[in-house]
Amino acid sequence: MNWVLCIVLVLIAWNIVTFSLYGIDKNRAKKRKWRIRESTLILCAFLMGGVGALAGMGFFRHKTKHVKFRILVPLAVAVNIGIAVIAWKIVR
């Protein structure tokens, strides 16, 4: 299997995990149970899970009122895209 395809599949899987974390945290918030730290959610976004985080925020309507998330998660997406573009140019 092509190594570029492997990297793409890992990124897709990571974004699914990040998306799921937002759903899990939203569910726990409703049940007033132990929560995932905000720093963990934001870190996952910056570690190439920005699209999953942004999708999770929208789909689960979670953390959308927090200014920190409204700024940092889109910034994470931009950083993720920038890293991907630079990596692609290096590989080519």
PDB file of N, CA and C in Angstrom:
ATOM      1  N   MET A   1       0.853  -1.178   0.000  1.00  0.00           N
ATOM      2  CA  MET A   1       0.000   0.000   0.000  1.00  0.00           C
ATOM      3  C   MET A   1       0.903   1.247   0.000  1.00  0.00           C
ATOM      4  N   ASN A   2       0.486   2.233  -0.713  1.00  0.00           N
ATOM      5  CA  ASN A   2       1.205   3.485  -0.822  1.00  0.00           C
ATOM      6  C   ASN A   2       1.268   4.161   0.551  1.00  0.00           C
ATOM      7  N   TRP A   3       2.452   4.657   0.945  1.00  0.00           N
ATOM      8  CA  TRP A   3       2.607   5.260   2.276  1.00  0.00           C
ATOM      9  C   TRP A   3       1.821   6.554   2.415  1.00  0.00           C
ATOM     10  N   VAL A   4       1.604   7.272   1.305  1.00  0.00           N
ATOM     11  CA  VAL A   4       0.787   8.488   1.365  1.00  0.00           C
ATOM     12  C   VAL A   4      -0.654   8.119   1.712  1.00  0.00           C
ATOM     13  N   LEU A   5      -1.138   7.046   1.115  1.00  0.00           N
ATOM     14  CA  LEU A   5      -2.490   6.568   1.412  1.00  0.00           C
ATOM     15  C   LEU A   5      -2.596   6.169   2.888  1.00  0.00           C
ATOM     16  N   CYS A   6      -1.554   5.549   3.417  1.00  0.00           N
ATOM     17  CA  CYS A   6      -1.549   5.161   4.838  1.00  0.00           C
ATOM     18  C   CYS A   6      -1.667   6.395   5.731  1.00  0.00           C
ATOM     19  N   ILE A   7      -0.923   7.437   5.399  1.00  0.00           N
ATOM     20  CA  ILE A   7      -0.978   8.668   6.189  1.00  0.00           C
ATOM     21  C   ILE A   7      -2.368   9.287   6.120  1.00  0.00           C
ATOM     22  N   VAL A   8      -2.959   9.304   4.935  1.00  0.00           N
ATOM     23  CA  VAL A   8      -4.305   9.856   4.775  1.00  0.00           C
ATOM     24  C   VAL A   8      -5.308   9.058   5.603  1.00  0.00           C
ATOM     25  N   LEU A   9      -5.198   7.741   5.596  1.00  0.00           N
ATOM     26  CA  LEU A   9      -6.111   6.900   6.374  1.00  0.00           C
ATOM     27  C   LEU A   9      -5.939   7.136   7.876  1.00  0.00           C
ATOM     28  N   VAL A  10      -4.705   7.326   8.322  1.00  0.00           N
ATOM     29  CA  VAL A  10      -4.456   7.615   9.737  1.00  0.00           C
ATOM     30  C   VAL A  10      -5.069   8.967  10.112  1.00  0.00           C
ATOM     31  N   LEU A  11      -4.923   9.963   9.242  1.00  0.00           N
ATOM     32  CA  LEU A  11      -5.514  11.277   9.508  1.00  0.00           C
ATOM     33  C   LEU A  11      -7.036  11.207   9.561  1.00  0.00           C
ATOM     34  N   ILE A  12      -7.624  10.436   8.674  1.00  0.00           N
ATOM     35  CA  ILE A  12      -9.082  10.259   8.703  1.00  0.00           C
ATOM     36  C   ILE A  12      -9.506   9.594  10.013  1.00  0.00           C
ATOM     37  N   ALA A  13      -8.781   8.549  10.403  1.00  0.00           N
ATOM     38  CA  ALA A  13      -9.109   7.841  11.644  1.00  0.00           C
ATOM     39  C   ALA A  13      -8.967   8.782  12.853  1.00  0.00           C
ATOM     40  N   TRP A  14      -7.901   9.589  12.874  1.00  0.00           N
ATOM     41  CA  TRP A  14      -7.686  10.515  13.984  1.00  0.00           C
ATOM     42  C   TRP A  14      -8.799  11.559  14.057  1.00  0.00           C
ATOM     43  N   ASN A  15      -9.245  12.038  12.900  1.00  0.00           N
ATOM     44  CA  ASN A  15     -10.337  13.013  12.899  1.00  0.00           C
ATOM     45  C   ASN A  15     -11.643  12.386  13.374  1.00  0.00           C
ATOM     46  N   ILE A  16     -11.844  11.120  13.082  1.00  0.00           N
ATOM     47  CA  ILE A  16     -13.024  10.411  13.596  1.00  0.00           C
ATOM     48  C   ILE A  16     -12.933  10.279  15.120  1.00  0.00           C
ATOM     49  N   VAL A  17     -11.738   9.973  15.626  1.00  0.00           N
ATOM     50  CA  VAL A  17     -11.536   9.888  17.073  1.00  0.00           C
ATOM     51  C   VAL A  17     -11.809  11.246  17.721  1.00  0.00           C
ATOM     52  N   THR A  18     -11.267  12.314  17.140  1.00  0.00           N
ATOM     53  CA  THR A  18     -11.464  13.659  17.687  1.00  0.00           C
ATOM     54  C   THR A  18     -12.940  14.037  17.666  1.00  0.00           C
ATOM     55  N   PHE A  19     -13.618  13.767  16.562  1.00  0.00           N
ATOM     56  CA  PHE A  19     -15.054  14.002  16.449  1.00  0.00           C
ATOM     57  C   PHE A  19     -15.790  13.261  17.564  1.00  0.00           C
ATOM     58  N   SER A  20     -15.413  12.012  17.781  1.00  0.00           N
ATOM     59  CA  SER A  20     -16.056  11.187  18.810  1.00  0.00           C
ATOM     60  C   SER A  20     -15.829  11.742  20.209  1.00  0.00           C
ATOM     61  N   LEU A  21     -14.648  12.289  20.458  1.00  0.00           N
ATOM     62  CA  LEU A  21     -14.363  12.874  21.775  1.00  0.00           C
ATOM     63  C   LEU A  21     -15.323  14.017  22.085  1.00  0.00           C
ATOM     64  N   TYR A  22     -15.633  14.825  21.083  1.00  0.00           N
ATOM     65  CA  TYR A  22     -16.590  15.917  21.295  1.00  0.00           C
ATOM     66  C   TYR A  22     -17.980  15.358  21.607  1.00  0.00           C
ATOM     67  N   GLY A  23     -18.359  14.273  20.948  1.00  0.00           N
ATOM     68  CA  GLY A  23     -19.642  13.643  21.228  1.00  0.00           C
ATOM     69  C   GLY A  23     -19.689  13.022  22.614  1.00  0.00           C
ATOM     70  N   ILE A  24     -18.605  12.366  22.996  1.00  0.00           N
ATOM     71  CA  ILE A  24     -18.526  11.761  24.327  1.00  0.00           C
ATOM     72  C   ILE A  24     -18.615  12.836  25.405  1.00  0.00           C
ATOM     73  N   ASP A  25     -17.870  13.932  25.202  1.00  0.00           N
ATOM     74  CA  ASP A  25     -17.882  15.003  26.194  1.00  0.00           C
ATOM     75  C   ASP A  25     -19.254  15.649  26.300  1.00  0.00           C
ATOM     76  N   LYS A  26     -19.922  15.825  25.177  1.00  0.00           N
ATOM     77  CA  LYS A  26     -21.275  16.406  25.193  1.00  0.00           C
ATOM     78  C   LYS A  26     -22.229  15.488  25.965  1.00  0.00           C
ATOM     79  N   ASN A  27     -22.137  14.192  25.709  1.00  0.00           N
ATOM     80  CA  ASN A  27     -22.992  13.220  26.394  1.00  0.00           C
ATOM     81  C   ASN A  27     -22.734  13.239  27.903  1.00  0.00           C
ATOM     82  N   ARG A  28     -21.456  13.310  28.274  1.00  0.00           N
ATOM     83  CA  ARG A  28     -21.120  13.354  29.703  1.00  0.00           C
ATOM     84  C   ARG A  28     -21.581  14.660  30.338  1.00  0.00           C
ATOM     85  N   ALA A  29     -21.547  15.729  29.578  1.00  0.00           N
ATOM     86  CA  ALA A  29     -22.015  17.021  30.113  1.00  0.00           C
ATOM     87  C   ALA A  29     -23.504  16.945  30.420  1.00  0.00           C
ATOM     88  N   LYS A  30     -24.266  16.323  29.541  1.00  0.00           N
ATOM     89  CA  LYS A  30     -25.710  16.187  29.767  1.00  0.00           C
ATOM     90  C   LYS A  30     -26.010  15.362  31.016  1.00  0.00           C
ATOM     91  N   LYS A  31     -25.167  14.347  31.259  1.00  0.00           N
ATOM     92  CA  LYS A  31     -25.385  13.456  32.397  1.00  0.00           C
ATOM     93  C   LYS A  31     -24.670  13.921  33.663  1.00  0.00           C
ATOM     94  N   ARG A  32     -24.015  15.096  33.577  1.00  0.00           N
ATOM     95  CA  ARG A  32     -23.260  15.661  34.698  1.00  0.00           C
ATOM     96  C   ARG A  32     -22.239  14.667  35.246  1.00  0.00           C
ATOM     97  N   LYS A  33     -21.517  14.016  34.321  1.00  0.00           N
ATOM     98  CA  LYS A  33     -20.468  13.072  34.691  1.00  0.00           C
ATOM     99  C   LYS A  33     -19.099  13.687  34.430  1.00  0.00           C
ATOM    100  N   TRP A  34     -18.057  12.888  34.725  1.00  0.00           N
ATOM    101  CA  TRP A  34     -16.673  13.298  34.493  1.00  0.00           C
ATOM    102  C   TRP A  34     -16.503  13.706  33.036  1.00  0.00           C
ATOM    103  N   ARG A  35     -15.779  14.809  32.817  1.00  0.00           N
ATOM    104  CA  ARG A  35     -15.642  15.396  31.482  1.00  0.00           C
ATOM    105  C   ARG A  35     -14.223  15.277  30.952  1.00  0.00           C
ATOM    106  N   ILE A  36     -14.108  15.421  29.651  1.00  0.00           N
ATOM    107  CA  ILE A  36     -12.807  15.493  28.998  1.00  0.00           C
ATOM    108  C   ILE A  36     -12.318  16.934  29.137  1.00  0.00           C
ATOM    109  N   ARG A  37     -11.067  17.114  29.484  1.00  0.00           N
ATOM    110  CA  ARG A  37     -10.521  18.460  29.669  1.00  0.00           C
ATOM    111  C   ARG A  37     -10.596  19.255  28.370  1.00  0.00           C
ATOM    112  N   GLU A  38     -10.880  20.543  28.513  1.00  0.00           N
ATOM    113  CA  GLU A  38     -10.918  21.418  27.345  1.00  0.00           C
ATOM    114  C   GLU A  38      -9.567  21.437  26.642  1.00  0.00           C
ATOM    115  N   SER A  39      -8.500  21.416  27.423  1.00  0.00           N
ATOM    116  CA  SER A  39      -7.163  21.425  26.825  1.00  0.00           C
ATOM    117  C   SER A  39      -6.922  20.179  25.979  1.00  0.00           C
ATOM    118  N   THR A  40      -7.480  19.052  26.389  1.00  0.00           N
ATOM    119  CA  THR A  40      -7.344  17.823  25.618  1.00  0.00           C
ATOM    120  C   THR A  40      -8.096  17.940  24.292  1.00  0.00           C
ATOM    121  N   LEU A  41      -9.301  18.484  24.337  1.00  0.00           N
ATOM    122  CA  LEU A  41     -10.083  18.651  23.106  1.00  0.00           C
ATOM    123  C   LEU A  41      -9.369  19.579  22.132  1.00  0.00           C
ATOM    124  N   ILE A  42      -8.824  20.670  22.637  1.00  0.00           N
ATOM    125  CA  ILE A  42      -8.119  21.618  21.766  1.00  0.00           C
ATOM    126  C   ILE A  42      -6.813  21.005  21.253  1.00  0.00           C
ATOM    127  N   LEU A  43      -6.096  20.296  22.108  1.00  0.00           N
ATOM    128  CA  LEU A  43      -4.856  19.650  21.685  1.00  0.00           C
ATOM    129  C   LEU A  43      -5.110  18.648  20.561  1.00  0.00           C
ATOM    130  N   CYS A  44      -6.166  17.876  20.686  1.00  0.00           N
ATOM    131  CA  CYS A  44      -6.516  16.915  19.631  1.00  0.00           C
ATOM    132  C   CYS A  44      -6.771  17.623  18.305  1.00  0.00           C
ATOM    133  N   ALA A  45      -7.366  18.799  18.370  1.00  0.00           N
ATOM    134  CA  ALA A  45      -7.606  19.577  17.155  1.00  0.00           C
ATOM    135  C   ALA A  45      -6.293  20.006  16.521  1.00  0.00           C
ATOM    136  N   PHE A  46      -5.356  20.478  17.327  1.00  0.00           N
ATOM    137  CA  PHE A  46      -4.070  20.942  16.791  1.00  0.00           C
ATOM    138  C   PHE A  46      -3.170  19.796  16.339  1.00  0.00           C
ATOM    139  N   LEU A  47      -3.406  18.602  16.849  1.00  0.00           N
ATOM    140  CA  LEU A  47      -2.616  17.439  16.425  1.00  0.00           C
ATOM    141  C   LEU A  47      -3.256  16.774  15.215  1.00  0.00           C
ATOM    142  N   MET A  48      -3.608  17.585  14.232  1.00  0.00           N
ATOM    143  CA  MET A  48      -4.153  17.170  12.936  1.00  0.00           C
ATOM    144  C   MET A  48      -5.580  16.621  13.026  1.00  0.00           C
ATOM    145  N   GLY A  49      -6.319  16.987  14.069  1.00  0.00           N
ATOM    146  CA  GLY A  49      -7.715  16.578  14.197  1.00  0.00           C
ATOM    147  C   GLY A  49      -8.671  17.755  14.119  1.00  0.00           C
ATOM    148  N   GLY A  50      -8.237  18.832  13.499  1.00  0.00           N
ATOM    149  CA  GLY A  50      -9.033  20.053  13.445  1.00  0.00           C
ATOM    150  C   GLY A  50     -10.363  19.904  12.750  1.00  0.00           C
ATOM    151  N   VAL A  51     -10.381  19.179  11.652  1.00  0.00           N
ATOM    152  CA  VAL A  51     -11.635  18.989  10.911  1.00  0.00           C
ATOM    153  C   VAL A  51     -12.623  18.191  11.751  1.00  0.00           C
ATOM    154  N   GLY A  52     -12.144  17.154  12.422  1.00  0.00           N
ATOM    155  CA  GLY A  52     -13.001  16.366  13.300  1.00  0.00           C
ATOM    156  C   GLY A  52     -13.535  17.181  14.465  1.00  0.00           C
ATOM    157  N   ALA A  53     -12.691  18.050  15.019  1.00  0.00           N
ATOM    158  CA  ALA A  53     -13.110  18.909  16.127  1.00  0.00           C
ATOM    159  C   ALA A  53     -14.172  19.898  15.668  1.00  0.00           C
ATOM    160  N   LEU A  54     -13.935  20.527  14.524  1.00  0.00           N
ATOM    161  CA  LEU A  54     -14.901  21.491  14.001  1.00  0.00           C
ATOM    162  C   LEU A  54     -16.230  20.811  13.667  1.00  0.00           C
ATOM    163  N   ALA A  55     -16.143  19.632  13.080  1.00  0.00           N
ATOM    164  CA  ALA A  55     -17.363  18.875  12.768  1.00  0.00           C
ATOM    165  C   ALA A  55     -18.087  18.459  14.044  1.00  0.00           C
ATOM    166  N   GLY A  56     -17.320  18.043  15.060  1.00  0.00           N
ATOM    167  CA  GLY A  56     -17.920  17.655  16.337  1.00  0.00           C
ATOM    168  C   GLY A  56     -18.599  18.820  17.032  1.00  0.00           C
ATOM    169  N   MET A  57     -17.973  19.987  16.969  1.00  0.00           N
ATOM    170  CA  MET A  57     -18.585  21.179  17.561  1.00  0.00           C
ATOM    171  C   MET A  57     -19.927  21.474  16.897  1.00  0.00           C
ATOM    172  N   GLY A  58     -19.959  21.382  15.585  1.00  0.00           N
ATOM    173  CA  GLY A  58     -21.191  21.687  14.866  1.00  0.00           C
ATOM    174  C   GLY A  58     -22.247  20.611  15.023  1.00  0.00           C
ATOM    175  N   PHE A  59     -21.844  19.357  14.861  1.00  0.00           N
ATOM    176  CA  PHE A  59     -22.794  18.249  14.896  1.00  0.00           C
ATOM    177  C   PHE A  59     -23.423  18.078  16.276  1.00  0.00           C
ATOM    178  N   PHE A  60     -22.592  18.134  17.314  1.00  0.00           N
ATOM    179  CA  PHE A  60     -23.089  17.921  18.676  1.00  0.00           C
ATOM    180  C   PHE A  60     -23.497  19.226  19.361  1.00  0.00           C
ATOM    181  N   ARG A  61     -23.293  20.361  18.677  1.00  0.00           N
ATOM    182  CA  ARG A  61     -23.539  21.685  19.264  1.00  0.00           C
ATOM    183  C   ARG A  61     -22.841  21.787  20.609  1.00  0.00           C
ATOM    184  N   HIS A  62     -21.564  21.470  20.582  1.00  0.00           N
ATOM    185  CA  HIS A  62     -20.780  21.392  21.812  1.00  0.00           C
ATOM    186  C   HIS A  62     -19.627  22.385  21.765  1.00  0.00           C
ATOM    187  N   LYS A  63     -19.499  23.183  22.796  1.00  0.00           N
ATOM    188  CA  LYS A  63     -18.445  24.182  22.958  1.00  0.00           C
ATOM    189  C   LYS A  63     -18.563  25.330  21.965  1.00  0.00           C
ATOM    190  N   THR A  64     -19.712  25.490  21.349  1.00  0.00           N
ATOM    191  CA  THR A  64     -19.880  26.534  20.335  1.00  0.00           C
ATOM    192  C   THR A  64     -20.010  27.922  20.947  1.00  0.00           C
ATOM    193  N   LYS A  65     -20.355  28.015  22.217  1.00  0.00           N
ATOM    194  CA  LYS A  65     -20.486  29.326  22.870  1.00  0.00           C
ATOM    195  C   LYS A  65     -19.188  29.763  23.542  1.00  0.00           C
ATOM    196  N   HIS A  66     -18.217  28.883  23.615  1.00  0.00           N
ATOM    197  CA  HIS A  66     -16.938  29.199  24.245  1.00  0.00           C
ATOM    198  C   HIS A  66     -16.051  29.919  23.233  1.00  0.00           C
ATOM    199  N   VAL A  67     -15.682  31.149  23.552  1.00  0.00           N
ATOM    200  CA  VAL A  67     -14.855  31.957  22.648  1.00  0.00           C
ATOM    201  C   VAL A  67     -13.546  31.240  22.346  1.00  0.00           C
ATOM    202  N   LYS A  68     -12.981  30.602  23.361  1.00  0.00           N
ATOM    203  CA  LYS A  68     -11.720  29.881  23.195  1.00  0.00           C
ATOM    204  C   LYS A  68     -11.841  28.851  22.059  1.00  0.00           C
ATOM    205  N   PHE A  69     -12.927  28.113  22.031  1.00  0.00           N
ATOM    206  CA  PHE A  69     -13.116  27.083  21.008  1.00  0.00           C
ATOM    207  C   PHE A  69     -13.469  27.706  19.657  1.00  0.00           C
ATOM    208  N   ARG A  70     -14.242  28.783  19.680  1.00  0.00           N
ATOM    209  CA  ARG A  70     -14.629  29.429  18.415  1.00  0.00           C
ATOM    210  C   ARG A  70     -13.433  30.044  17.713  1.00  0.00           C
ATOM    211  N   ILE A  71     -12.381  30.340  18.457  1.00  0.00           N
ATOM    212  CA  ILE A  71     -11.163  30.890  17.851  1.00  0.00           C
ATOM    213  C   ILE A  71     -10.142  29.778  17.568  1.00  0.00           C
ATOM    214  N   LEU A  72      -9.872  28.943  18.563  1.00  0.00           N
ATOM    215  CA  LEU A  72      -8.777  27.984  18.452  1.00  0.00           C
ATOM    216  C   LEU A  72      -9.062  26.814  17.512  1.00  0.00           C
ATOM    217  N   VAL A  73     -10.290  26.327  17.471  1.00  0.00           N
ATOM    218  CA  VAL A  73     -10.565  25.178  16.597  1.00  0.00           C
ATOM    219  C   VAL A  73     -10.457  25.564  15.113  1.00  0.00           C
ATOM    220  N   PRO A  74     -11.055  26.681  14.658  1.00  0.00           N
ATOM    221  CA  PRO A  74     -10.808  27.073  13.261  1.00  0.00           C
ATOM    222  C   PRO A  74      -9.324  27.364  12.985  1.00  0.00           C
ATOM    223  N   LEU A  75      -8.624  27.918  13.978  1.00  0.00           N
ATOM    224  CA  LEU A  75      -7.187  28.138  13.830  1.00  0.00           C
ATOM    225  C   LEU A  75      -6.461  26.800  13.663  1.00  0.00           C
ATOM    226  N   ALA A  76      -6.881  25.797  14.423  1.00  0.00           N
ATOM    227  CA  ALA A  76      -6.294  24.456  14.301  1.00  0.00           C
ATOM    228  C   ALA A  76      -6.516  23.892  12.903  1.00  0.00           C
ATOM    229  N   VAL A  77      -7.706  24.112  12.355  1.00  0.00           N
ATOM    230  CA  VAL A  77      -7.986  23.640  10.992  1.00  0.00           C
ATOM    231  C   VAL A  77      -7.030  24.317  10.006  1.00  0.00           C
ATOM    232  N   ALA A  78      -6.841  25.625  10.154  1.00  0.00           N
ATOM    233  CA  ALA A  78      -5.938  26.364   9.270  1.00  0.00           C
ATOM    234  C   ALA A  78      -4.498  25.852   9.404  1.00  0.00           C
ATOM    235  N   VAL A  79      -4.072  25.618  10.635  1.00  0.00           N
ATOM    236  CA  VAL A  79      -2.728  25.090  10.871  1.00  0.00           C
ATOM    237  C   VAL A  79      -2.602  23.696  10.268  1.00  0.00           C
ATOM    238  N   ASN A  80      -3.620  22.867  10.455  1.00  0.00           N
ATOM    239  CA  ASN A  80      -3.613  21.511   9.890  1.00  0.00           C
ATOM    240  C   ASN A  80      -3.489  21.551   8.373  1.00  0.00           C
ATOM    241  N   ILE A  81      -4.229  22.440   7.734  1.00  0.00           N
ATOM    242  CA  ILE A  81      -4.163  22.572   6.279  1.00  0.00           C
ATOM    243  C   ILE A  81      -2.780  23.048   5.862  1.00  0.00           C
ATOM    244  N   GLY A  82      -2.250  24.022   6.589  1.00  0.00           N
ATOM    245  CA  GLY A  82      -0.910  24.521   6.286  1.00  0.00           C
ATOM    246  C   GLY A  82       0.143  23.433   6.380  1.00  0.00           C
ATOM    247  N   ILE A  83       0.080  22.634   7.431  1.00  0.00           N
ATOM    248  CA  ILE A  83       1.029  21.530   7.602  1.00  0.00           C
ATOM    249  C   ILE A  83       0.876  20.524   6.465  1.00  0.00           C
ATOM    250  N   ALA A  84      -0.362  20.206   6.099  1.00  0.00           N
ATOM    251  CA  ALA A  84      -0.601  19.252   5.018  1.00  0.00           C
ATOM    252  C   ALA A  84      -0.050  19.764   3.692  1.00  0.00           C
ATOM    253  N   VAL A  85      -0.252  21.047   3.415  1.00  0.00           N
ATOM    254  CA  VAL A  85       0.249  21.631   2.160  1.00  0.00           C
ATOM    255  C   VAL A  85       1.770  21.611   2.137  1.00  0.00           C
ATOM    256  N   ILE A  86       2.395  22.001   3.235  1.00  0.00           N
ATOM    257  CA  ILE A  86       3.860  21.987   3.294  1.00  0.00           C
ATOM    258  C   ILE A  86       4.395  20.565   3.142  1.00  0.00           C
ATOM    259  N   ALA A  87       3.770  19.621   3.826  1.00  0.00           N
ATOM    260  CA  ALA A  87       4.202  18.220   3.721  1.00  0.00           C
ATOM    261  C   ALA A  87       4.049  17.713   2.291  1.00  0.00           C
ATOM    262  N   TRP A  88       2.953  18.080   1.649  1.00  0.00           N
ATOM    263  CA  TRP A  88       2.714  17.645   0.274  1.00  0.00           C
ATOM    264  C   TRP A  88       3.776  18.202  -0.679  1.00  0.00           C
ATOM    265  N   LYS A  89       4.152  19.460  -0.473  1.00  0.00           N
ATOM    266  CA  LYS A  89       5.175  20.078  -1.318  1.00  0.00           C
ATOM    267  C   LYS A  89       6.541  19.443  -1.099  1.00  0.00           C
ATOM    268  N   ILE A  90       6.833  19.057   0.129  1.00  0.00           N
ATOM    269  CA  ILE A  90       8.099  18.403   0.431  1.00  0.00           C
ATOM    270  C   ILE A  90       8.142  17.029  -0.228  1.00  0.00           C
ATOM    271  N   VAL A  91       7.036  16.307  -0.159  1.00  0.00           N
ATOM    272  CA  VAL A  91       6.967  14.950  -0.699  1.00  0.00           C
ATOM    273  C   VAL A  91       7.063  14.946  -2.219  1.00  0.00           C
ATOM    274  N   ARG A  92       6.465  15.942  -2.854  1.00  0.00           N
ATOM    275  CA  ARG A  92       6.478  15.999  -4.313  1.00  0.00           C
ATOM    276  C   ARG A  92       7.854  16.287  -4.755  1.00  0.00           C
TER     277      ARG A  92
END
